[in-house]
Amino acid sequence: MLADAASGKLLKQEGACGKRVTAASTFKVPISLMGFDSGLLVDEHAPALPFRDAYRESDPAKRVTTDPQGWMKNSVVWYSQQLTQRLGEARFRHYVSEFQYGNGDVSGDPGKHNGLTRAWLGSSLKISPLEQIAFLEKVVNRKLPVSAHAYDMTGRITAIGMLPNGWAVHGKTGTGAPTLANGSGDWSRSYGWFVGWAEKDGRNVVFARLIQDERKESTYAGPRAREAFLKALPGMLDSL
């Protein structure tokens, strides 16, 4: 989906855009707004949090001291969880409610009381491409109850680069999976998100791309969704 951020007009819509699935790491965009608004995050390089063995992280590249820029770029789950725990349940719930984000359910897995650290990771918090677009329009138009600094810094750490046709792109990937009856993820049917916005000459176009694999793949679905979308995006923008 693509939409004009100023008018809300849908510019392109394909597929099942009303289906809610796990937000996965696209939820780092709202967490960034919460973090900078609350003062837990200062700028793109502060705070730099050290990795601790108690954090469950299998990727050696993420088992390092991480700052906000590295958190967003490398999609570091434990950093997100440190932020949400420092926010506390009441503030976290309040932000999600005020953002009108997806289904708003941050309860987490049934009976596990883990919503503060797991709600967006294949658990209770789900969002559709349509709802991603609605949220991103509020981000771009600064219609959420957060500070100007929160918008500025979130824009800075989500910046991806410039397209050949002069549009500046901001975005975030997400990789998740449907939940099986036993509570585990069905990674043969991975979801891949890429959401964000493109800006040129004062015009902003928000976008949401969601794919679902038909078999287990050797690479993460989110980055694959991003790469394919970025290849097609200049042509789509030129045709608007």
C-alpha atoms as a PDB file:
ATOM      1  CA  MET A   1       0.000   0.000   0.000  1.00  0.00           C
ATOM      2  CA  LEU A   2       1.028   3.587  -0.695  1.00  0.00           C
ATOM      3  CA  ALA A   3      -0.845   6.701   0.418  1.00  0.00           C
ATOM      4  CA  ASP A   4      -0.350  10.451   0.224  1.00  0.00           C
ATOM      5  CA  ALA A   5       0.389  11.484   3.804  1.00  0.00           C
ATOM      6  CA  ALA A   6      -1.128  14.974   3.518  1.00  0.00           C
ATOM      7  CA  SER A   7      -4.491  14.005   2.027  1.00  0.00           C
ATOM      8  CA  GLY A   8      -4.710  10.385   3.138  1.00  0.00           C
ATOM      9  CA  LYS A   9      -5.531   9.390  -0.432  1.00  0.00           C
ATOM     10  CA  LEU A  10      -4.658   5.788  -1.254  1.00  0.00           C
ATOM     11  CA  LEU A  11      -2.305   5.735  -4.235  1.00  0.00           C
ATOM     12  CA  LYS A  12      -1.847   1.969  -4.535  1.00  0.00           C
ATOM     13  CA  GLN A  13      -3.411  -1.032  -2.845  1.00  0.00           C
ATOM     14  CA  GLU A  14      -2.803  -4.694  -3.622  1.00  0.00           C
ATOM     15  CA  GLY A  15      -3.585  -7.861  -1.721  1.00  0.00           C
ATOM     16  CA  ALA A  16      -5.158  -8.474   1.680  1.00  0.00           C
ATOM     17  CA  CYS A  17      -4.360  -5.123   3.293  1.00  0.00           C
ATOM     18  CA  GLY A  18      -6.932  -5.483   6.053  1.00  0.00           C
ATOM     19  CA  LYS A  19      -5.451  -8.652   7.571  1.00  0.00           C
ATOM     20  CA  ARG A  20      -3.828  -8.195  10.970  1.00  0.00           C
ATOM     21  CA  VAL A  21      -0.590 -10.015  11.719  1.00  0.00           C
ATOM     22  CA  THR A  22       2.207  -9.589  14.265  1.00  0.00           C
ATOM     23  CA  ALA A  23       3.808  -6.140  14.202  1.00  0.00           C
ATOM     24  CA  ALA A  24       7.246  -7.718  14.725  1.00  0.00           C
ATOM     25  CA  SER A  25      10.142  -5.253  14.470  1.00  0.00           C
ATOM     26  CA  THR A  26       8.110  -2.580  12.684  1.00  0.00           C
ATOM     27  CA  PHE A  27       7.039  -1.832  16.277  1.00  0.00           C
ATOM     28  CA  LYS A  28      10.460  -0.266  16.807  1.00  0.00           C
ATOM     29  CA  VAL A  29       9.055   2.893  15.164  1.00  0.00           C
ATOM     30  CA  PRO A  30       6.473   3.459  17.921  1.00  0.00           C
ATOM     31  CA  ILE A  31       8.965   2.342  20.573  1.00  0.00           C
ATOM     32  CA  SER A  32      11.382   4.982  19.261  1.00  0.00           C
ATOM     33  CA  LEU A  33       8.704   7.667  19.589  1.00  0.00           C
ATOM     34  CA  MET A  34       7.954   6.493  23.135  1.00  0.00           C
ATOM     35  CA  GLY A  35      11.637   6.395  24.059  1.00  0.00           C
ATOM     36  CA  PHE A  36      12.544   9.850  22.793  1.00  0.00           C
ATOM     37  CA  ASP A  37       9.329  11.404  24.107  1.00  0.00           C
ATOM     38  CA  SER A  38       9.835   9.964  27.596  1.00  0.00           C
ATOM     39  CA  GLY A  39      13.526  10.897  27.760  1.00  0.00           C
ATOM     40  CA  LEU A  40      14.750   7.303  27.905  1.00  0.00           C
ATOM     41  CA  LEU A  41      16.417   7.939  24.539  1.00  0.00           C
ATOM     42  CA  VAL A  42      18.509  11.082  24.101  1.00  0.00           C
ATOM     43  CA  ASP A  43      19.856  11.127  20.544  1.00  0.00           C
ATOM     44  CA  GLU A  44      21.066   8.658  17.919  1.00  0.00           C
ATOM     45  CA  HIS A  45      24.079   7.688  20.052  1.00  0.00           C
ATOM     46  CA  ALA A  46      22.688   7.816  23.583  1.00  0.00           C
ATOM     47  CA  PRO A  47      22.082   5.836  25.584  1.00  0.00           C
ATOM     48  CA  ALA A  48      24.523   3.139  24.519  1.00  0.00           C
ATOM     49  CA  LEU A  49      23.438   0.062  26.479  1.00  0.00           C
ATOM     50  CA  PRO A  50      25.856  -2.819  27.137  1.00  0.00           C
ATOM     51  CA  PHE A  51      24.831  -6.333  26.195  1.00  0.00           C
ATOM     52  CA  ARG A  52      24.293  -8.699  29.109  1.00  0.00           C
ATOM     53  CA  ASP A  53      24.297 -12.502  28.994  1.00  0.00           C
ATOM     54  CA  ALA A  54      20.823 -12.537  30.556  1.00  0.00           C
ATOM     55  CA  TYR A  55      19.421 -11.117  27.297  1.00  0.00           C
ATOM     56  CA  ARG A  56      18.487 -13.951  24.979  1.00  0.00           C
ATOM     57  CA  GLU A  57      20.293 -13.159  21.727  1.00  0.00           C
ATOM     58  CA  SER A  58      21.742 -15.775  19.389  1.00  0.00           C
ATOM     59  CA  ASP A  59      23.266 -13.392  16.826  1.00  0.00           C
ATOM     60  CA  PRO A  60      26.857 -12.530  17.842  1.00  0.00           C
ATOM     61  CA  ALA A  61      26.611  -9.242  15.903  1.00  0.00           C
ATOM     62  CA  LYS A  62      23.870  -8.105  18.317  1.00  0.00           C
ATOM     63  CA  ARG A  63      25.619  -9.215  21.491  1.00  0.00           C
ATOM     64  CA  VAL A  64      27.395  -5.864  21.719  1.00  0.00           C
ATOM     65  CA  THR A  65      26.916  -2.420  23.239  1.00  0.00           C
ATOM     66  CA  THR A  66      24.125  -0.805  21.219  1.00  0.00           C
ATOM     67  CA  ASP A  67      22.941   2.794  20.733  1.00  0.00           C
ATOM     68  CA  PRO A  68      19.590   3.983  19.253  1.00  0.00           C
ATOM     69  CA  GLN A  69      20.958   4.181  15.718  1.00  0.00           C
ATOM     70  CA  GLY A  70      22.417   0.660  15.887  1.00  0.00           C
ATOM     71  CA  TRP A  71      19.235  -0.618  17.548  1.00  0.00           C
ATOM     72  CA  MET A  72      17.083   0.544  14.647  1.00  0.00           C
ATOM     73  CA  LYS A  73      19.532  -0.347  11.867  1.00  0.00           C
ATOM     74  CA  ASN A  74      20.341  -3.833  13.165  1.00  0.00           C
ATOM     75  CA  SER A  75      16.889  -4.541  14.649  1.00  0.00           C
ATOM     76  CA  VAL A  76      18.103  -5.453  18.146  1.00  0.00           C
ATOM     77  CA  VAL A  77      15.249  -7.012  20.116  1.00  0.00           C
ATOM     78  CA  TRP A  78      16.880  -6.874  23.553  1.00  0.00           C
ATOM     79  CA  TYR A  79      17.344  -3.105  23.271  1.00  0.00           C
ATOM     80  CA  SER A  80      13.605  -2.723  22.552  1.00  0.00           C
ATOM     81  CA  GLN A  81      12.832  -4.836  25.607  1.00  0.00           C
ATOM     82  CA  GLN A  82      15.079  -2.759  27.840  1.00  0.00           C
ATOM     83  CA  LEU A  83      13.236   0.367  26.725  1.00  0.00           C
ATOM     84  CA  THR A  84       9.752  -1.048  27.252  1.00  0.00           C
ATOM     85  CA  GLN A  85      10.677  -2.392  30.690  1.00  0.00           C
ATOM     86  CA  ARG A  86      12.054   1.004  31.679  1.00  0.00           C
ATOM     87  CA  LEU A  87       8.856   2.658  30.459  1.00  0.00           C
ATOM     88  CA  GLY A  88       6.846   0.355  32.702  1.00  0.00           C
ATOM     89  CA  GLU A  89       3.518  -1.264  31.962  1.00  0.00           C
ATOM     90  CA  ALA A  90       1.302   1.777  32.648  1.00  0.00           C
ATOM     91  CA  ARG A  91       3.212   4.181  30.386  1.00  0.00           C
ATOM     92  CA  PHE A  92       3.660   1.525  27.714  1.00  0.00           C
ATOM     93  CA  ARG A  93      -0.064   0.771  27.601  1.00  0.00           C
ATOM     94  CA  HIS A  94      -0.873   4.475  27.558  1.00  0.00           C
ATOM     95  CA  TYR A  95       1.361   5.170  24.566  1.00  0.00           C
ATOM     96  CA  VAL A  96      -0.015   2.225  22.548  1.00  0.00           C
ATOM     97  CA  SER A  97      -3.561   3.383  23.320  1.00  0.00           C
ATOM     98  CA  GLU A  98      -2.831   7.002  22.395  1.00  0.00           C
ATOM     99  CA  PHE A  99      -1.163   5.867  19.152  1.00  0.00           C
ATOM    100  CA  GLN A 100      -4.286   3.780  18.278  1.00  0.00           C
ATOM    101  CA  TYR A 101      -1.805   1.180  17.089  1.00  0.00           C
ATOM    102  CA  GLY A 102      -3.310  -1.920  15.467  1.00  0.00           C
ATOM    103  CA  ASN A 103      -5.526  -3.939  17.797  1.00  0.00           C
ATOM    104  CA  GLY A 104      -3.928  -2.229  20.815  1.00  0.00           C
ATOM    105  CA  ASP A 105      -3.558  -5.546  22.671  1.00  0.00           C
ATOM    106  CA  VAL A 106      -0.351  -5.530  24.708  1.00  0.00           C
ATOM    107  CA  SER A 107      -1.356  -8.357  27.051  1.00  0.00           C
ATOM    108  CA  GLY A 108       1.227 -10.762  25.599  1.00  0.00           C
ATOM    109  CA  ASP A 109       0.964 -14.539  25.605  1.00  0.00           C
ATOM    110  CA  PRO A 110      -2.053 -15.921  27.526  1.00  0.00           C
ATOM    111  CA  GLY A 111      -1.186 -16.501  31.164  1.00  0.00           C
ATOM    112  CA  LYS A 112       2.458 -15.454  30.836  1.00  0.00           C
ATOM    113  CA  HIS A 113       2.218 -11.749  31.762  1.00  0.00           C
ATOM    114  CA  ASN A 114       4.925 -10.934  29.215  1.00  0.00           C
ATOM    115  CA  GLY A 115       3.209  -8.211  27.211  1.00  0.00           C
ATOM    116  CA  LEU A 116       5.789  -5.600  28.172  1.00  0.00           C
ATOM    117  CA  THR A 117       8.543  -7.545  26.411  1.00  0.00           C
ATOM    118  CA  ARG A 118       6.756  -9.864  23.959  1.00  0.00           C
ATOM    119  CA  ALA A 119       3.406  -8.363  22.843  1.00  0.00           C
ATOM    120  CA  TRP A 120       4.677  -7.321  19.398  1.00  0.00           C
ATOM    121  CA  LEU A 121       6.746 -10.485  18.795  1.00  0.00           C
ATOM    122  CA  GLY A 122       4.310 -13.038  17.403  1.00  0.00           C
ATOM    123  CA  SER A 123       2.013 -12.453  20.360  1.00  0.00           C
ATOM    124  CA  SER A 124      -1.065 -10.334  21.156  1.00  0.00           C
ATOM    125  CA  LEU A 125      -0.279  -7.058  19.344  1.00  0.00           C
ATOM    126  CA  LYS A 126      -1.300  -7.273  15.693  1.00  0.00           C
ATOM    127  CA  ILE A 127      -1.620  -4.708  12.927  1.00  0.00           C
ATOM    128  CA  SER A 128      -2.759  -4.672   9.301  1.00  0.00           C
ATOM    129  CA  PRO A 129      -1.145  -2.826   6.370  1.00  0.00           C
ATOM    130  CA  LEU A 130      -4.128  -0.438   6.437  1.00  0.00           C
ATOM    131  CA  GLU A 131      -3.454   0.303  10.113  1.00  0.00           C
ATOM    132  CA  GLN A 132       0.282   0.696   9.469  1.00  0.00           C
ATOM    133  CA  ILE A 133      -0.592   3.352   6.868  1.00  0.00           C
ATOM    134  CA  ALA A 134      -2.931   5.133   9.302  1.00  0.00           C
ATOM    135  CA  PHE A 135      -0.229   5.143  11.997  1.00  0.00           C
ATOM    136  CA  LEU A 136       2.518   6.348   9.639  1.00  0.00           C
ATOM    137  CA  GLU A 137       0.328   9.183   8.390  1.00  0.00           C
ATOM    138  CA  LYS A 138       0.068  10.371  12.001  1.00  0.00           C
ATOM    139  CA  VAL A 139       3.840  10.085  12.379  1.00  0.00           C
ATOM    140  CA  VAL A 140       4.595  12.086   9.220  1.00  0.00           C
ATOM    141  CA  ASN A 141       1.929  14.697   9.993  1.00  0.00           C
ATOM    142  CA  ARG A 142       3.005  14.872  13.649  1.00  0.00           C
ATOM    143  CA  LYS A 143      -0.482  14.082  14.948  1.00  0.00           C
ATOM    144  CA  LEU A 144       0.607  11.868  17.850  1.00  0.00           C
ATOM    145  CA  PRO A 145       0.961  13.100  21.468  1.00  0.00           C
ATOM    146  CA  VAL A 146       4.782  13.110  21.486  1.00  0.00           C
ATOM    147  CA  SER A 147       7.453  15.816  21.400  1.00  0.00           C
ATOM    148  CA  ALA A 148       8.991  17.393  18.317  1.00  0.00           C
ATOM    149  CA  HIS A 149      12.292  15.841  19.445  1.00  0.00           C
ATOM    150  CA  ALA A 150      10.694  12.375  19.313  1.00  0.00           C
ATOM    151  CA  TYR A 151       9.626  12.928  15.703  1.00  0.00           C
ATOM    152  CA  ASP A 152      12.977  14.442  14.713  1.00  0.00           C
ATOM    153  CA  MET A 153      15.080  11.670  16.180  1.00  0.00           C
ATOM    154  CA  THR A 154      12.837   8.851  14.983  1.00  0.00           C
ATOM    155  CA  GLY A 155      13.088  10.306  11.486  1.00  0.00           C
ATOM    156  CA  ARG A 156      16.845  10.405  11.829  1.00  0.00           C
ATOM    157  CA  ILE A 157      17.378   6.815  12.974  1.00  0.00           C
ATOM    158  CA  THR A 158      14.893   5.359  10.448  1.00  0.00           C
ATOM    159  CA  ALA A 159      16.574   7.101   7.485  1.00  0.00           C
ATOM    160  CA  ILE A 160      17.618   4.557   4.847  1.00  0.00           C
ATOM    161  CA  GLY A 161      18.905   6.763   2.046  1.00  0.00           C
ATOM    162  CA  MET A 162      18.081   8.499  -1.209  1.00  0.00           C
ATOM    163  CA  LEU A 163      16.468   6.831  -4.202  1.00  0.00           C
ATOM    164  CA  PRO A 164      17.886   7.550  -7.675  1.00  0.00           C
ATOM    165  CA  ASN A 165      14.892   9.820  -8.408  1.00  0.00           C
ATOM    166  CA  GLY A 166      15.527  12.049  -5.393  1.00  0.00           C
ATOM    167  CA  TRP A 167      13.105  10.655  -2.830  1.00  0.00           C
ATOM    168  CA  ALA A 168      14.479  10.216   0.713  1.00  0.00           C
ATOM    169  CA  VAL A 169      13.293   6.970   2.292  1.00  0.00           C
ATOM    170  CA  HIS A 170      12.680   6.139   5.943  1.00  0.00           C
ATOM    171  CA  GLY A 171      11.601   2.675   6.981  1.00  0.00           C
ATOM    172  CA  LYS A 172      11.725  -0.395   9.175  1.00  0.00           C
ATOM    173  CA  THR A 173      11.593  -4.091   8.431  1.00  0.00           C
ATOM    174  CA  GLY A 174       9.904  -6.766  10.486  1.00  0.00           C
ATOM    175  CA  THR A 175      10.036 -10.557  10.372  1.00  0.00           C
ATOM    176  CA  GLY A 176       7.478 -12.715  12.180  1.00  0.00           C
ATOM    177  CA  ALA A 177       5.460 -15.899  11.860  1.00  0.00           C
ATOM    178  CA  PRO A 178       1.962 -17.228  12.492  1.00  0.00           C
ATOM    179  CA  THR A 179       1.558 -18.935  15.860  1.00  0.00           C
ATOM    180  CA  LEU A 180       0.948 -22.679  15.905  1.00  0.00           C
ATOM    181  CA  ALA A 181      -1.369 -24.431  18.378  1.00  0.00           C
ATOM    182  CA  ASN A 182       1.598 -25.292  20.614  1.00  0.00           C
ATOM    183  CA  GLY A 183       2.585 -21.617  20.838  1.00  0.00           C
ATOM    184  CA  SER A 184       5.644 -21.821  18.593  1.00  0.00           C
ATOM    185  CA  GLY A 185       6.082 -19.865  15.378  1.00  0.00           C
ATOM    186  CA  ASP A 186       5.399 -21.410  11.967  1.00  0.00           C
ATOM    187  CA  TRP A 187       8.588 -20.219  10.283  1.00  0.00           C
ATOM    188  CA  SER A 188       7.726 -22.019   7.056  1.00  0.00           C
ATOM    189  CA  ARG A 189       5.098 -19.274   6.622  1.00  0.00           C
ATOM    190  CA  SER A 190       7.139 -16.242   7.700  1.00  0.00           C
ATOM    191  CA  TYR A 191       5.748 -12.725   7.468  1.00  0.00           C
ATOM    192  CA  GLY A 192       7.982 -10.004   6.068  1.00  0.00           C
ATOM    193  CA  TRP A 193       7.173  -6.342   6.698  1.00  0.00           C
ATOM    194  CA  PHE A 194       8.655  -3.157   5.323  1.00  0.00           C
ATOM    195  CA  VAL A 195       6.922   0.073   6.368  1.00  0.00           C
ATOM    196  CA  GLY A 196       7.864   3.732   6.253  1.00  0.00           C
ATOM    197  CA  TRP A 197       7.665   6.869   4.168  1.00  0.00           C
ATOM    198  CA  ALA A 198       9.355   8.622   1.257  1.00  0.00           C
ATOM    199  CA  GLU A 199       9.809  12.403   1.079  1.00  0.00           C
ATOM    200  CA  LYS A 200      10.597  14.750  -1.793  1.00  0.00           C
ATOM    201  CA  ASP A 201      10.028  18.497  -2.182  1.00  0.00           C
ATOM    202  CA  GLY A 202       7.774  18.600   0.866  1.00  0.00           C
ATOM    203  CA  ARG A 203       5.574  15.709  -0.250  1.00  0.00           C
ATOM    204  CA  ASN A 204       5.385  12.554   1.853  1.00  0.00           C
ATOM    205  CA  VAL A 205       4.165   9.159   0.678  1.00  0.00           C
ATOM    206  CA  VAL A 206       3.677   6.501   3.374  1.00  0.00           C
ATOM    207  CA  PHE A 207       3.924   2.816   2.518  1.00  0.00           C
ATOM    208  CA  ALA A 208       3.420  -0.657   3.940  1.00  0.00           C
ATOM    209  CA  ARG A 209       4.595  -3.861   2.291  1.00  0.00           C
ATOM    210  CA  LEU A 210       3.743  -7.277   3.739  1.00  0.00           C
ATOM    211  CA  ILE A 211       4.749 -10.637   2.280  1.00  0.00           C
ATOM    212  CA  GLN A 212       4.192 -14.182   3.532  1.00  0.00           C
ATOM    213  CA  ASP A 213       6.443 -17.055   2.565  1.00  0.00           C
ATOM    214  CA  GLU A 214       5.030 -20.308   1.210  1.00  0.00           C
ATOM    215  CA  ARG A 215       7.945 -22.410   2.457  1.00  0.00           C
ATOM    216  CA  LYS A 216      10.884 -22.056   4.827  1.00  0.00           C
ATOM    217  CA  GLU A 217      13.500 -19.753   3.331  1.00  0.00           C
ATOM    218  CA  SER A 218      17.185 -19.355   4.162  1.00  0.00           C
ATOM    219  CA  THR A 219      16.948 -15.584   4.713  1.00  0.00           C
ATOM    220  CA  TYR A 220      14.695 -13.364   6.813  1.00  0.00           C
ATOM    221  CA  ALA A 221      11.426 -12.274   5.190  1.00  0.00           C
ATOM    222  CA  GLY A 222      11.597  -8.641   6.335  1.00  0.00           C
ATOM    223  CA  PRO A 223      14.853  -7.761   4.572  1.00  0.00           C
ATOM    224  CA  ARG A 224      13.638  -9.567   1.448  1.00  0.00           C
ATOM    225  CA  ALA A 225      10.424  -7.513   1.500  1.00  0.00           C
ATOM    226  CA  ARG A 226      12.504  -4.333   1.852  1.00  0.00           C
ATOM    227  CA  GLU A 227      14.912  -5.101  -0.977  1.00  0.00           C
ATOM    228  CA  ALA A 228      12.169  -6.025  -3.468  1.00  0.00           C
ATOM    229  CA  PHE A 229      10.095  -2.991  -2.502  1.00  0.00           C
ATOM    230  CA  LEU A 230      12.993  -0.543  -2.762  1.00  0.00           C
ATOM    231  CA  LYS A 231      13.738  -1.805  -6.277  1.00  0.00           C
ATOM    232  CA  ALA A 232      10.137  -1.161  -7.341  1.00  0.00           C
ATOM    233  CA  LEU A 233       9.597   2.044  -5.353  1.00  0.00           C
ATOM    234  CA  PRO A 234      11.214   4.578  -7.748  1.00  0.00           C
ATOM    235  CA  GLY A 235       8.956   3.439 -10.571  1.00  0.00           C
ATOM    236  CA  MET A 236       5.873   3.573  -8.349  1.00  0.00           C
ATOM    237  CA  LEU A 237       6.720   7.084  -7.135  1.00  0.00           C
ATOM    238  CA  ASP A 238       7.459   8.313 -10.660  1.00  0.00           C
ATOM    239  CA  SER A 239       4.030   7.131 -11.771  1.00  0.00           C
ATOM    240  CA  LEU A 240       2.147   9.097  -9.094  1.00  0.00           C
END
